[in-house]
N, C-alpha and C. Protein backbone atom coordinates (compact mmCIF):
# COMPACT_ATOMS: atom_id res chain seq x y z
N LYS A 1 0.83 -1.19 0.00
CA LYS A 1 0.00 0.00 0.00
C LYS A 1 0.87 1.25 0.00
N PHE A 2 0.41 2.22 -0.73
CA PHE A 2 1.12 3.50 -0.80
C PHE A 2 0.74 4.38 0.38
N GLN A 3 1.64 5.30 0.71
CA GLN A 3 1.32 6.31 1.72
C GLN A 3 0.29 7.26 1.12
N LEU A 4 -0.42 7.92 2.00
CA LEU A 4 -1.48 8.83 1.58
C LEU A 4 -0.96 9.93 0.65
N GLU A 5 0.17 10.52 1.00
CA GLU A 5 0.74 11.60 0.18
C GLU A 5 1.11 11.10 -1.21
N THR A 6 1.56 9.86 -1.31
CA THR A 6 1.89 9.27 -2.61
C THR A 6 0.65 9.14 -3.47
N LEU A 7 -0.45 8.72 -2.88
CA LEU A 7 -1.70 8.60 -3.63
C LEU A 7 -2.18 9.95 -4.13
N PHE A 8 -2.06 10.97 -3.29
CA PHE A 8 -2.45 12.31 -3.74
C PHE A 8 -1.53 12.78 -4.87
N TYR A 9 -0.25 12.50 -4.76
CA TYR A 9 0.69 12.89 -5.82
C TYR A 9 0.29 12.23 -7.14
N ILE A 10 0.03 10.94 -7.11
CA ILE A 10 -0.37 10.22 -8.33
C ILE A 10 -1.65 10.82 -8.89
N PHE A 11 -2.61 11.09 -8.02
CA PHE A 11 -3.89 11.63 -8.48
C PHE A 11 -3.72 12.98 -9.17
N TYR A 12 -2.98 13.89 -8.55
CA TYR A 12 -2.86 15.25 -9.10
C TYR A 12 -1.82 15.37 -10.20
N ALA A 13 -0.79 14.52 -10.20
CA ALA A 13 0.30 14.65 -11.18
C ALA A 13 0.03 13.89 -12.47
N LEU A 14 -0.89 12.94 -12.45
CA LEU A 14 -1.13 12.11 -13.63
C LEU A 14 -2.58 12.18 -14.09
N PRO A 15 -3.03 13.37 -14.49
CA PRO A 15 -4.43 13.48 -14.94
C PRO A 15 -4.69 12.65 -16.19
N LYS A 16 -5.86 12.07 -16.24
CA LYS A 16 -6.31 11.26 -17.38
C LYS A 16 -5.47 10.01 -17.59
N ASP A 17 -4.76 9.58 -16.57
CA ASP A 17 -3.95 8.36 -16.64
C ASP A 17 -4.68 7.27 -15.85
N VAL A 18 -4.46 6.03 -16.23
CA VAL A 18 -5.08 4.93 -15.51
C VAL A 18 -4.61 4.90 -14.05
N LEU A 19 -3.38 5.33 -13.80
CA LEU A 19 -2.88 5.38 -12.43
C LEU A 19 -3.65 6.38 -11.57
N GLN A 20 -4.14 7.45 -12.20
CA GLN A 20 -4.96 8.41 -11.47
C GLN A 20 -6.24 7.72 -10.98
N ALA A 21 -6.82 6.92 -11.82
CA ALA A 21 -8.04 6.20 -11.44
C ALA A 21 -7.77 5.21 -10.32
N TYR A 22 -6.63 4.53 -10.37
CA TYR A 22 -6.28 3.59 -9.30
C TYR A 22 -6.05 4.33 -7.98
N ALA A 23 -5.37 5.47 -8.04
CA ALA A 23 -5.14 6.27 -6.83
C ALA A 23 -6.47 6.75 -6.26
N ALA A 24 -7.36 7.22 -7.12
CA ALA A 24 -8.68 7.68 -6.67
C ALA A 24 -9.46 6.54 -6.01
N GLN A 25 -9.37 5.37 -6.58
CA GLN A 25 -10.07 4.21 -6.02
C GLN A 25 -9.54 3.88 -4.62
N GLU A 26 -8.23 3.92 -4.45
CA GLU A 26 -7.64 3.63 -3.14
C GLU A 26 -7.99 4.72 -2.13
N LEU A 27 -7.98 5.99 -2.55
CA LEU A 27 -8.38 7.07 -1.66
C LEU A 27 -9.84 6.89 -1.22
N TYR A 28 -10.68 6.50 -2.14
CA TYR A 28 -12.08 6.27 -1.82
C TYR A 28 -12.22 5.13 -0.81
N THR A 29 -11.42 4.08 -1.00
CA THR A 29 -11.42 2.95 -0.06
C THR A 29 -11.01 3.41 1.34
N ARG A 30 -10.13 4.40 1.40
CA ARG A 30 -9.67 4.94 2.69
C ARG A 30 -10.60 6.04 3.22
N GLU A 31 -11.79 6.12 2.65
CA GLU A 31 -12.87 7.02 3.08
C GLU A 31 -12.66 8.48 2.71
N TRP A 32 -11.82 8.75 1.72
CA TRP A 32 -11.69 10.11 1.20
C TRP A 32 -12.70 10.27 0.07
N ARG A 33 -13.27 11.46 -0.04
CA ARG A 33 -14.25 11.75 -1.09
C ARG A 33 -13.81 12.99 -1.85
N TYR A 34 -13.91 12.92 -3.18
CA TYR A 34 -13.47 14.02 -4.04
C TYR A 34 -14.64 14.95 -4.33
N HIS A 35 -14.42 16.24 -4.09
CA HIS A 35 -15.43 17.25 -4.41
C HIS A 35 -15.10 17.79 -5.79
N VAL A 36 -15.94 17.48 -6.76
CA VAL A 36 -15.65 17.80 -8.16
C VAL A 36 -15.56 19.30 -8.41
N GLU A 37 -16.46 20.08 -7.83
CA GLU A 37 -16.45 21.52 -8.08
C GLU A 37 -15.23 22.22 -7.50
N SER A 38 -14.86 21.85 -6.28
CA SER A 38 -13.69 22.50 -5.66
C SER A 38 -12.39 21.76 -5.94
N LYS A 39 -12.49 20.57 -6.52
CA LYS A 39 -11.32 19.75 -6.89
C LYS A 39 -10.42 19.47 -5.69
N VAL A 40 -11.06 19.09 -4.59
CA VAL A 40 -10.35 18.82 -3.34
C VAL A 40 -10.88 17.52 -2.74
N TRP A 41 -9.98 16.78 -2.10
CA TRP A 41 -10.36 15.56 -1.39
C TRP A 41 -10.72 15.89 0.06
N PHE A 42 -11.85 15.34 0.54
CA PHE A 42 -12.32 15.53 1.91
C PHE A 42 -12.48 14.18 2.59
N LYS A 43 -12.41 14.22 3.92
CA LYS A 43 -12.63 13.02 4.73
C LYS A 43 -13.18 13.46 6.08
N ARG A 44 -14.11 12.68 6.62
CA ARG A 44 -14.62 12.98 7.96
C ARG A 44 -13.48 12.80 8.95
N ALA A 45 -13.29 13.78 9.83
CA ALA A 45 -12.19 13.76 10.79
C ALA A 45 -12.43 12.69 11.85
N THR A 46 -11.37 11.96 12.17
CA THR A 46 -11.40 10.98 13.25
C THR A 46 -10.21 11.23 14.16
N ALA A 47 -10.25 10.66 15.34
CA ALA A 47 -9.16 10.85 16.30
C ALA A 47 -7.84 10.30 15.76
N SER A 48 -7.88 9.30 14.90
CA SER A 48 -6.65 8.69 14.38
C SER A 48 -6.00 9.50 13.27
N ASP A 49 -6.62 10.59 12.84
CA ASP A 49 -6.06 11.39 11.75
C ASP A 49 -4.86 12.23 12.19
N GLY A 50 -4.71 12.46 13.48
CA GLY A 50 -3.56 13.20 13.99
C GLY A 50 -3.55 14.67 13.62
N ILE A 51 -4.72 15.25 13.43
CA ILE A 51 -4.82 16.67 13.10
C ILE A 51 -5.04 17.45 14.39
N PRO A 52 -4.23 18.48 14.65
CA PRO A 52 -4.44 19.29 15.87
C PRO A 52 -5.84 19.91 15.90
N ASN A 53 -6.37 20.09 17.10
CA ASN A 53 -7.71 20.68 17.30
C ASN A 53 -8.80 19.84 16.66
N ASN A 54 -8.58 18.53 16.62
CA ASN A 54 -9.56 17.63 16.01
C ASN A 54 -10.68 17.34 17.00
N ASN A 55 -11.91 17.65 16.61
CA ASN A 55 -13.08 17.35 17.42
C ASN A 55 -14.01 16.51 16.56
N ALA A 56 -13.70 15.23 16.45
CA ALA A 56 -14.42 14.35 15.54
C ALA A 56 -15.90 14.24 15.89
N SER A 57 -16.25 14.42 17.15
CA SER A 57 -17.64 14.29 17.54
C SER A 57 -18.52 15.39 16.96
N ALA A 58 -17.92 16.49 16.55
CA ALA A 58 -18.68 17.60 15.98
C ALA A 58 -18.93 17.41 14.49
N GLY A 59 -18.50 16.30 13.91
CA GLY A 59 -18.72 16.05 12.50
C GLY A 59 -17.86 16.90 11.60
N GLN A 60 -16.65 17.21 12.04
CA GLN A 60 -15.75 18.03 11.24
C GLN A 60 -15.09 17.20 10.14
N PHE A 61 -14.57 17.92 9.15
CA PHE A 61 -13.92 17.28 8.03
C PHE A 61 -12.49 17.78 7.89
N ILE A 62 -11.66 16.94 7.29
CA ILE A 62 -10.32 17.35 6.91
C ILE A 62 -10.24 17.31 5.39
N TYR A 63 -9.32 18.06 4.85
CA TYR A 63 -9.10 18.05 3.41
C TYR A 63 -7.61 18.03 3.14
N PHE A 64 -7.25 17.62 1.94
CA PHE A 64 -5.85 17.60 1.56
C PHE A 64 -5.55 18.88 0.80
N ASP A 65 -4.68 19.71 1.37
CA ASP A 65 -4.30 20.99 0.78
C ASP A 65 -3.13 20.76 -0.18
N ILE A 66 -3.37 20.92 -1.48
CA ILE A 66 -2.31 20.66 -2.45
C ILE A 66 -1.25 21.76 -2.46
N ASN A 67 -1.56 22.92 -1.90
CA ASN A 67 -0.58 24.01 -1.86
C ASN A 67 0.48 23.79 -0.79
N THR A 68 0.08 23.24 0.34
CA THR A 68 1.03 22.97 1.43
C THR A 68 1.37 21.49 1.54
N TRP A 69 0.67 20.67 0.79
CA TRP A 69 0.86 19.22 0.74
C TRP A 69 0.69 18.58 2.12
N GLU A 70 -0.43 18.97 2.78
CA GLU A 70 -0.74 18.39 4.08
C GLU A 70 -2.24 18.36 4.31
N ARG A 71 -2.64 17.55 5.28
CA ARG A 71 -4.05 17.47 5.67
C ARG A 71 -4.35 18.61 6.63
N ARG A 72 -5.52 19.23 6.44
CA ARG A 72 -5.93 20.36 7.29
C ARG A 72 -7.39 20.21 7.66
N MET A 73 -7.74 20.84 8.78
CA MET A 73 -9.14 20.87 9.18
C MET A 73 -9.88 21.81 8.23
N TYR A 74 -11.06 21.40 7.80
CA TYR A 74 -11.86 22.23 6.92
C TYR A 74 -12.52 23.33 7.74
N GLY A 75 -12.40 24.57 7.28
CA GLY A 75 -13.02 25.70 7.95
C GLY A 75 -12.12 26.41 8.93
N ASN A 76 -10.91 25.92 9.13
CA ASN A 76 -9.96 26.59 10.05
C ASN A 76 -8.99 27.43 9.27
């Protein structure tokens, strides 16, 4: 299995490639969801995500920021 950052790299660096589809499928399996309009991957925040100020009980989400290449809380 690839690391999460590797899957995001494959997805964003190889548009219209079969590898992009495989990366997207694996991200989906890991409970990430792609927002087509904003072109960003989101996931419901859990305690195991290791994101500071994570309050998973409030139904918060994290997203993968392609500018900083890290996971961030949505709305912060």
